[in-house]
Amino acid sequence: MTAQLTLEPFRIAIPDADLDDLKARLAATRWPEQLPGTPWQRGAPVDYLRQLADYWADGFDWRAQEAELNSYPQFRTQIDGQTIHFLHIESPEPAARPLILLHGWPGSVVEFLDVIGPLSNPRANGLDPGQAFHLVIPSLVGFGFSTPLSGAGWTANRIAAAFTKLMAGLGYDRYCVQGGDYGSFIGPLMGGLAPDRVIGVHVNAAAFGFNPGRNVSDDDLASMTDRERDRVARSRTWAAEMTGYFRLQGTRPQTLGYGLEDSPAGQLAWIVEKFKEWTDASKELPDDAVPRDRLLANVAVYWFTRTATSSANLYYETTHTRALPDPSPVPTGVAVFSADLAIRRYGERLFNITHWSDFDTGGHFAAMETPQLLVDDIRAFFATVP
């Protein structure tokens, strides 16, 4: 018998004093000099970041974002000694299926605000109500409102186990899973842990298990499409130029945290850089790819919850376990947006891929960049899974 969860209704209520403190800290920022050269080549450029920080201090309305989040039912519970925060939106459609949505780093539950309506209430959003979902949207362990971190050892596998307990504790015997970034790692792990419960797993921004690593054989390269060869080339560029965040978070998260949790400008730069590098390359600036208020709401969650350090610990756990998911029989759907790097032949070594979509637009933060495309692909995949 499944153990029942004790659910505590939850509402986000950031104190006014924290808002005032944020504004004061932004005003007192000591800005570094900027060397001449190509913007973004050495990191987030000063002029852009100052402009964004000024808007965060004097134009951005946190209370509006907070109210939107609070318009959905939220709860906290305890699983394996850890506080787990989640949104739980029940669909009005009687045939709706449960779906857990999993964010990654540097994401949060804010990522999903623009897909909640179409997925949970398609009829009200001009979509076929035959494919509707009850949504469970947790903050990853150590992220956002799933804090404080209860201790070391919260690997992706352990988080997956906690989320399978969460879904069972909510009374969902069979359910769907969707995830991006770390969610695309945790989601398949859930399928492996509970193949009798997980109907299917849909992923975007997939990396773990979907890339060749350092060595690509000549035979593989020769047999690849132009699109696949481009992804190999971009993977090599990422490995050479864009892994600093991974190495720091994976080895010294505590030391990194002192700067990020004391300086909102530092936290902003740390996250905004990823929104530049991982979004659609045709967009000049991060807030061209993602609405500025959504981008800042996501950063604000990290700032107000003081989770730069605890969220980075997931990278430490991953770096020191180096475990890929076990092969899974669960049907898997994959959406690859233009900035993503997944290659099907590598994913098929581990996953039962029954649906694959390549898109010429969008990127890593698909729920924020191209929410309708992501919604359509999620619905299309789960329509094929009984």
Protein backbone atom coordinates (compact mmCIF):
# COMPACT_ATOMS: atom_id res chain seq x y z
CA MET A 1 0.00 0.00 0.00
CA THR A 2 1.25 3.49 -0.90
CA ALA A 3 2.07 5.69 2.08
CA GLN A 4 -0.09 8.78 2.24
CA LEU A 5 1.62 12.14 2.14
CA THR A 6 0.94 14.93 4.57
CA LEU A 7 0.35 17.99 2.41
CA GLU A 8 0.82 21.52 3.68
CA PRO A 9 -0.91 24.21 1.55
CA PHE A 10 1.70 26.74 0.48
CA ARG A 11 1.70 30.28 -0.84
CA ILE A 12 4.70 32.33 -1.88
CA ALA A 13 4.97 35.46 0.24
CA ILE A 14 8.33 37.19 -0.11
CA PRO A 15 8.63 39.82 2.67
CA ASP A 16 8.68 43.49 1.68
CA ALA A 17 12.01 43.75 3.49
CA ASP A 18 13.52 41.27 1.02
CA LEU A 19 12.30 43.37 -1.91
CA ASP A 20 13.81 46.48 -0.36
CA ASP A 21 17.07 44.64 0.31
CA LEU A 22 17.26 43.49 -3.30
CA LYS A 23 16.81 47.04 -4.58
CA ALA A 24 19.45 48.39 -2.20
CA ARG A 25 21.97 45.70 -3.12
CA LEU A 26 21.46 46.30 -6.84
CA ALA A 27 21.97 50.04 -6.32
CA ALA A 28 25.23 49.36 -4.45
CA THR A 29 26.68 46.95 -7.01
CA ARG A 30 30.38 47.38 -7.76
CA TRP A 31 30.51 46.83 -11.51
CA PRO A 32 33.64 45.39 -13.17
CA GLU A 33 35.38 46.96 -16.13
CA GLN A 34 34.68 45.66 -19.60
CA LEU A 35 37.50 44.86 -22.00
CA PRO A 36 36.90 45.88 -25.61
CA GLY A 37 35.97 43.05 -27.89
CA THR A 38 33.04 40.91 -28.91
CA PRO A 39 30.14 41.15 -26.44
CA TRP A 40 29.56 37.89 -24.49
CA GLN A 41 32.90 36.42 -25.59
CA ARG A 42 34.27 36.61 -22.03
CA GLY A 43 30.90 36.45 -20.26
CA ALA A 44 27.89 38.67 -19.63
CA PRO A 45 28.74 42.21 -20.82
CA VAL A 46 28.56 45.04 -18.30
CA ASP A 47 26.35 47.40 -20.31
CA TYR A 48 23.67 44.77 -20.86
CA LEU A 49 23.74 43.48 -17.33
CA ARG A 50 23.52 46.98 -15.83
CA GLN A 51 20.48 47.71 -17.97
CA LEU A 52 18.83 44.47 -16.88
CA ALA A 53 19.72 45.05 -13.23
CA ASP A 54 18.25 48.57 -13.38
CA TYR A 55 15.01 47.12 -14.70
CA TRP A 56 15.04 44.43 -12.01
CA ALA A 57 15.34 47.15 -9.37
CA ASP A 58 12.88 49.71 -10.73
CA GLY A 59 10.71 48.21 -13.48
CA PHE A 60 10.15 44.56 -12.66
CA ASP A 61 7.03 43.70 -10.66
CA TRP A 62 7.78 40.67 -8.50
CA ARG A 63 4.37 40.86 -6.87
CA ALA A 64 2.66 40.30 -10.23
CA GLN A 65 4.75 37.19 -10.87
CA GLU A 66 4.19 36.00 -7.31
CA ALA A 67 0.43 36.46 -7.72
CA GLU A 68 0.44 34.44 -10.94
CA LEU A 69 2.27 31.59 -9.25
CA ASN A 70 -0.10 31.80 -6.29
CA SER A 71 -3.10 31.56 -8.61
CA TYR A 72 -2.34 27.82 -8.78
CA PRO A 73 -2.64 25.43 -5.83
CA GLN A 74 0.73 24.81 -4.20
CA PHE A 75 1.81 22.43 -1.46
CA ARG A 76 4.83 21.26 0.46
CA THR A 77 5.39 17.78 1.82
CA GLN A 78 8.17 15.68 3.34
CA ILE A 79 9.70 12.78 1.41
CA ASP A 80 12.84 10.96 2.56
CA GLY A 81 13.49 13.75 5.05
CA GLN A 82 13.36 16.46 2.39
CA THR A 83 10.89 19.29 1.90
CA ILE A 84 9.31 19.05 -1.55
CA HIS A 85 7.38 22.00 -3.00
CA PHE A 86 5.02 21.54 -5.93
CA LEU A 87 2.15 23.04 -7.86
CA HIS A 88 -0.83 20.74 -8.40
CA ILE A 89 -3.32 21.77 -11.07
CA GLU A 90 -6.22 19.43 -11.69
CA SER A 91 -7.77 19.47 -15.14
CA PRO A 92 -11.53 19.95 -15.55
CA GLU A 93 -11.49 17.23 -18.22
CA PRO A 94 -12.71 13.89 -16.82
CA ALA A 95 -10.33 11.82 -19.00
CA ALA A 96 -7.23 13.87 -18.13
CA ARG A 97 -4.06 11.96 -17.27
CA PRO A 98 -1.53 12.95 -14.60
CA LEU A 99 1.66 14.60 -15.88
CA ILE A 100 4.66 15.66 -13.80
CA LEU A 101 6.71 18.52 -15.29
CA LEU A 102 10.37 18.71 -14.28
CA HIS A 103 12.59 21.76 -14.67
CA GLY A 104 16.39 21.86 -14.52
CA TRP A 105 19.13 24.37 -13.76
CA PRO A 106 19.00 27.35 -13.96
CA GLY A 107 15.25 26.89 -14.18
CA SER A 108 12.37 26.82 -11.73
CA VAL A 109 8.62 26.30 -11.65
CA VAL A 110 8.40 29.74 -13.31
CA GLU A 111 9.42 28.02 -16.56
CA PHE A 112 6.04 26.32 -16.88
CA LEU A 113 3.67 29.24 -16.31
CA ASP A 114 2.87 29.60 -20.00
CA VAL A 115 2.14 25.91 -20.60
CA ILE A 116 -0.09 25.23 -17.59
CA GLY A 117 -3.29 26.46 -19.25
CA PRO A 118 -2.94 24.65 -22.60
CA LEU A 119 -1.92 21.38 -20.96
CA SER A 120 -4.43 21.31 -18.11
CA ASN A 121 -7.37 23.05 -19.77
CA PRO A 122 -6.98 22.67 -23.54
CA ARG A 123 -10.68 23.34 -24.17
CA ALA A 124 -10.33 26.87 -22.75
CA ASN A 125 -7.22 27.39 -24.85
CA GLY A 126 -8.69 26.41 -28.20
CA LEU A 127 -7.22 22.91 -28.24
CA ASP A 128 -8.73 19.44 -28.49
CA PRO A 129 -9.79 18.48 -24.95
CA GLY A 130 -9.10 14.82 -25.72
CA GLN A 131 -5.49 15.31 -24.59
CA ALA A 132 -5.57 16.98 -21.17
CA PHE A 133 -3.45 16.58 -18.05
CA HIS A 134 -3.56 16.96 -14.30
CA LEU A 135 -0.27 18.75 -13.65
CA VAL A 136 2.23 18.22 -10.84
CA ILE A 137 5.10 20.73 -11.06
CA PRO A 138 7.73 20.29 -8.33
CA SER A 139 10.71 22.44 -7.47
CA LEU A 140 13.72 20.15 -7.73
CA VAL A 141 15.28 19.15 -4.42
CA GLY A 142 17.45 22.04 -3.22
CA PHE A 143 15.84 24.43 -5.70
CA GLY A 144 13.42 27.25 -5.03
CA PHE A 145 10.86 26.42 -2.37
CA SER A 146 12.00 22.78 -1.97
CA THR A 147 14.41 23.88 0.73
CA PRO A 148 16.39 23.72 2.91
CA LEU A 149 18.46 20.88 1.50
CA SER A 150 18.25 18.08 4.05
CA GLY A 151 21.80 16.86 3.51
CA ALA A 152 24.29 15.49 1.01
CA GLY A 153 23.52 12.66 -1.39
CA TRP A 154 20.60 14.13 -3.30
CA THR A 155 21.58 12.68 -6.66
CA ALA A 156 19.35 12.67 -9.72
CA ASN A 157 18.46 9.05 -8.88
CA ARG A 158 17.39 9.98 -5.37
CA ILE A 159 15.32 12.90 -6.65
CA ALA A 160 13.66 10.57 -9.19
CA ALA A 161 12.80 8.17 -6.37
CA ALA A 162 11.33 11.02 -4.31
CA PHE A 163 9.18 12.14 -7.23
CA THR A 164 7.88 8.61 -7.86
CA LYS A 165 6.84 8.63 -4.18
CA LEU A 166 5.24 12.03 -4.67
CA MET A 167 3.10 10.84 -7.59
CA ALA A 168 2.11 7.65 -5.76
CA GLY A 169 1.32 9.61 -2.61
CA LEU A 170 -0.99 11.88 -4.63
CA GLY A 171 -2.92 8.77 -5.66
CA TYR A 172 -1.67 8.55 -9.24
CA ASP A 173 -1.18 4.90 -10.15
CA ARG A 174 -0.30 5.69 -13.78
CA TYR A 175 1.15 8.96 -14.97
CA CYS A 176 3.14 10.77 -17.65
CA VAL A 177 6.53 12.46 -17.18
CA GLN A 178 8.05 15.45 -18.97
CA GLY A 179 11.36 17.16 -18.28
CA GLY A 180 14.00 19.48 -19.66
CA ASP A 181 17.66 19.93 -18.74
CA TYR A 182 18.10 18.03 -15.45
CA GLY A 183 14.45 17.10 -15.84
CA SER A 184 15.43 15.19 -18.99
CA PHE A 185 17.77 13.13 -16.78
CA ILE A 186 15.42 12.69 -13.83
CA GLY A 187 12.39 11.89 -16.00
CA PRO A 188 13.87 8.77 -17.64
CA LEU A 189 15.18 7.69 -14.23
CA MET A 190 11.57 7.78 -12.99
CA GLY A 191 10.60 5.56 -15.91
CA GLY A 192 13.34 3.11 -14.96
CA LEU A 193 12.30 3.09 -11.31
CA ALA A 194 8.58 2.66 -11.96
CA PRO A 195 8.04 1.25 -15.47
CA ASP A 196 4.69 -0.18 -14.36
CA ARG A 197 3.50 3.31 -13.38
CA VAL A 198 5.08 5.63 -15.93
CA ILE A 199 3.02 5.76 -19.13
CA GLY A 200 5.70 7.56 -21.10
CA VAL A 201 8.52 10.08 -20.75
CA HIS A 202 8.84 13.20 -22.92
CA VAL A 203 12.08 15.21 -22.80
CA ASN A 204 13.53 18.39 -24.25
CA ALA A 205 16.98 19.98 -23.80
CA ALA A 206 18.20 16.40 -23.39
CA ALA A 207 21.89 15.83 -22.72
CA PHE A 208 22.50 12.84 -20.43
CA GLY A 209 22.59 9.78 -22.67
CA PHE A 210 21.89 11.70 -25.88
CA ASN A 211 25.40 12.81 -26.85
CA PRO A 212 28.49 10.88 -28.01
CA GLY A 213 30.87 12.42 -25.52
CA ARG A 214 34.44 13.16 -26.58
CA ASN A 215 34.92 10.34 -29.05
CA VAL A 216 32.94 10.15 -32.28
CA SER A 217 34.08 7.52 -34.73
CA ASP A 218 34.77 8.34 -38.36
CA ASP A 219 32.08 5.85 -39.32
CA ASP A 220 29.55 7.62 -37.12
CA LEU A 221 30.44 11.01 -38.57
CA ALA A 222 30.24 9.71 -42.12
CA SER A 223 26.78 8.29 -41.57
CA MET A 224 25.39 11.41 -39.87
CA THR A 225 23.07 13.97 -41.39
CA ASP A 226 24.22 17.57 -41.70
CA ARG A 227 22.02 18.41 -38.71
CA GLU A 228 23.68 15.72 -36.58
CA ARG A 229 27.19 16.80 -37.59
CA ASP A 230 26.29 20.35 -36.63
CA ARG A 231 25.22 19.12 -33.19
CA VAL A 232 28.50 17.25 -32.76
CA ALA A 233 30.42 20.41 -33.66
CA ARG A 234 28.38 22.53 -31.25
CA SER A 235 28.83 19.90 -28.53
CA ARG A 236 32.59 20.21 -28.95
CA THR A 237 32.37 24.00 -28.69
CA TRP A 238 30.27 23.65 -25.55
CA ALA A 239 32.82 21.27 -24.01
CA ALA A 240 35.72 23.60 -24.83
CA GLU A 241 34.19 26.98 -24.00
CA MET A 242 30.99 26.66 -22.01
CA THR A 243 31.54 24.20 -19.16
CA GLY A 244 32.95 26.57 -16.55
CA TYR A 245 29.64 26.69 -14.67
CA PHE A 246 29.51 22.87 -14.58
CA ARG A 247 33.05 22.51 -13.28
CA LEU A 248 32.56 25.09 -10.53
CA GLN A 249 29.16 23.82 -9.41
CA GLY A 250 30.35 20.24 -9.71
CA THR A 251 33.44 20.70 -7.56
CA ARG A 252 33.12 23.74 -5.24
CA PRO A 253 29.45 24.73 -4.93
CA GLN A 254 29.90 26.09 -1.42
CA THR A 255 32.65 28.51 -2.38
CA LEU A 256 30.73 29.69 -5.43
CA GLY A 257 27.65 30.30 -3.32
CA TYR A 258 29.18 33.10 -1.23
CA GLY A 259 29.29 35.42 -4.22
CA LEU A 260 25.98 34.39 -5.78
CA GLU A 261 23.97 34.56 -2.56
CA ASP A 262 25.43 37.92 -1.52
CA SER A 263 25.23 39.76 -4.85
CA PRO A 264 22.03 39.88 -6.90
CA ALA A 265 24.04 41.22 -9.84
CA GLY A 266 26.29 38.18 -9.54
CA GLN A 267 23.31 35.81 -9.42
CA LEU A 268 21.77 37.62 -12.39
CA ALA A 269 24.94 37.34 -14.48
CA TRP A 270 25.42 33.66 -13.58
CA ILE A 271 21.98 32.73 -14.85
CA VAL A 272 21.54 35.23 -17.69
CA GLU A 273 24.71 33.98 -19.36
CA LYS A 274 23.03 30.58 -19.76
CA PHE A 275 19.93 32.18 -21.24
CA LYS A 276 22.21 33.78 -23.84
CA GLU A 277 24.22 30.66 -24.65
CA TRP A 278 21.43 28.08 -24.60
CA THR A 279 18.55 29.87 -26.29
CA ASP A 280 17.85 30.23 -30.02
CA ALA A 281 21.04 31.58 -31.63
CA SER A 282 19.01 33.89 -33.86
CA LYS A 283 18.05 35.96 -30.81
CA GLU A 284 20.55 38.70 -30.01
CA LEU A 285 19.84 38.99 -26.29
CA PRO A 286 18.44 36.65 -23.62
CA ASP A 287 15.31 38.74 -23.21
CA ASP A 288 14.72 38.57 -26.95
CA ALA A 289 14.42 34.80 -26.57
CA VAL A 290 12.49 34.79 -23.28
CA PRO A 291 10.15 37.53 -21.99
CA ARG A 292 12.13 39.81 -19.70
CA ASP A 293 9.71 39.54 -16.78
CA ARG A 294 9.73 35.73 -16.96
CA LEU A 295 13.53 35.73 -17.08
CA LEU A 296 13.78 37.95 -14.02
CA ALA A 297 11.07 36.03 -12.14
CA ASN A 298 13.14 32.90 -12.62
CA VAL A 299 16.31 34.62 -11.34
CA ALA A 300 14.32 36.14 -8.46
CA VAL A 301 13.26 32.69 -7.27
CA TYR A 302 16.92 31.75 -6.83
CA TRP A 303 17.67 35.07 -5.14
CA PHE A 304 14.75 35.18 -2.70
CA THR A 305 15.06 31.51 -1.73
CA ARG A 306 18.86 31.74 -1.43
CA THR A 307 19.30 28.53 -3.38
CA ALA A 308 22.36 29.29 -5.55
CA THR A 309 24.44 26.97 -3.37
CA SER A 310 21.92 24.23 -2.68
CA SER A 311 20.88 23.96 -6.34
CA ALA A 312 24.54 23.80 -7.41
CA ASN A 313 24.97 20.75 -5.19
CA LEU A 314 23.08 18.69 -7.76
CA TYR A 315 26.06 19.22 -10.07
CA TYR A 316 28.41 18.12 -7.29
CA GLU A 317 26.43 14.91 -6.83
CA THR A 318 26.39 14.27 -10.58
CA THR A 319 30.13 14.95 -10.96
CA HIS A 320 30.94 12.52 -8.15
CA THR A 321 28.62 9.69 -9.23
CA ARG A 322 28.88 9.84 -13.04
CA ALA A 323 25.93 7.51 -13.51
CA LEU A 324 23.89 7.35 -16.70
CA PRO A 325 20.31 6.07 -16.63
CA ASP A 326 19.83 2.34 -17.02
CA PRO A 327 18.15 1.21 -20.24
CA SER A 328 14.41 1.76 -19.98
CA PRO A 329 11.52 0.10 -21.83
CA VAL A 330 9.20 3.06 -21.21
CA PRO A 331 8.10 4.85 -24.42
CA THR A 332 10.13 8.01 -24.80
CA GLY A 333 9.42 11.14 -26.83
CA VAL A 334 12.12 13.69 -27.62
CA ALA A 335 11.75 17.31 -28.74
CA VAL A 336 14.96 18.88 -30.03
CA PHE A 337 14.85 22.64 -30.49
CA SER A 338 17.37 24.54 -32.60
CA ALA A 339 19.84 25.26 -29.78
CA ASP A 340 19.70 21.70 -28.42
CA LEU A 341 22.31 19.01 -29.05
CA ALA A 342 20.59 15.61 -28.72
CA ILE A 343 21.31 12.98 -31.37
CA ARG A 344 18.86 10.12 -31.79
CA ARG A 345 21.28 7.25 -32.39
CA TYR A 346 22.91 7.81 -28.99
CA GLY A 347 19.60 8.16 -27.17
CA GLU A 348 18.41 4.87 -28.65
CA ARG A 349 21.16 3.02 -26.79
CA LEU A 350 19.33 3.69 -23.52
CA PHE A 351 15.77 4.69 -24.31
CA ASN A 352 12.79 3.26 -26.16
CA ILE A 353 12.36 6.27 -28.42
CA THR A 354 8.99 6.17 -30.14
CA HIS A 355 8.69 9.88 -31.02
CA TRP A 356 11.33 12.38 -32.19
CA SER A 357 10.82 15.97 -33.30
CA ASP A 358 13.45 18.36 -34.67
CA PHE A 359 12.64 22.06 -34.64
CA ASP A 360 14.39 24.90 -36.46
CA THR A 361 13.60 27.42 -33.75
CA GLY A 362 13.70 27.65 -29.97
CA GLY A 363 16.19 26.32 -27.51
CA HIS A 364 16.95 24.98 -24.08
CA PHE A 365 14.16 26.80 -22.23
CA ALA A 366 11.39 25.65 -24.57
CA ALA A 367 8.52 26.18 -22.11
CA MET A 368 9.49 29.86 -21.97
CA GLU A 369 10.83 30.36 -25.52
CA THR A 370 8.35 28.42 -27.64
CA PRO A 371 5.61 27.26 -25.26
CA GLN A 372 3.11 26.40 -27.98
CA LEU A 373 5.56 24.19 -29.87
CA LEU A 374 6.41 22.36 -26.67
CA VAL A 375 2.75 21.92 -25.74
CA ASP A 376 1.94 20.59 -29.20
CA ASP A 377 4.81 18.10 -29.06
CA ILE A 378 3.91 16.88 -25.57
CA ARG A 379 0.32 16.36 -26.66
CA ALA A 380 1.37 14.65 -29.90
CA PHE A 381 3.64 12.21 -28.09
CA PHE A 382 1.24 11.24 -25.33
CA ALA A 383 -1.54 10.78 -27.88
CA THR A 384 0.49 7.82 -29.16
CA VAL A 385 0.97 6.23 -25.73
CA PRO A 386 -2.05 4.37 -24.35
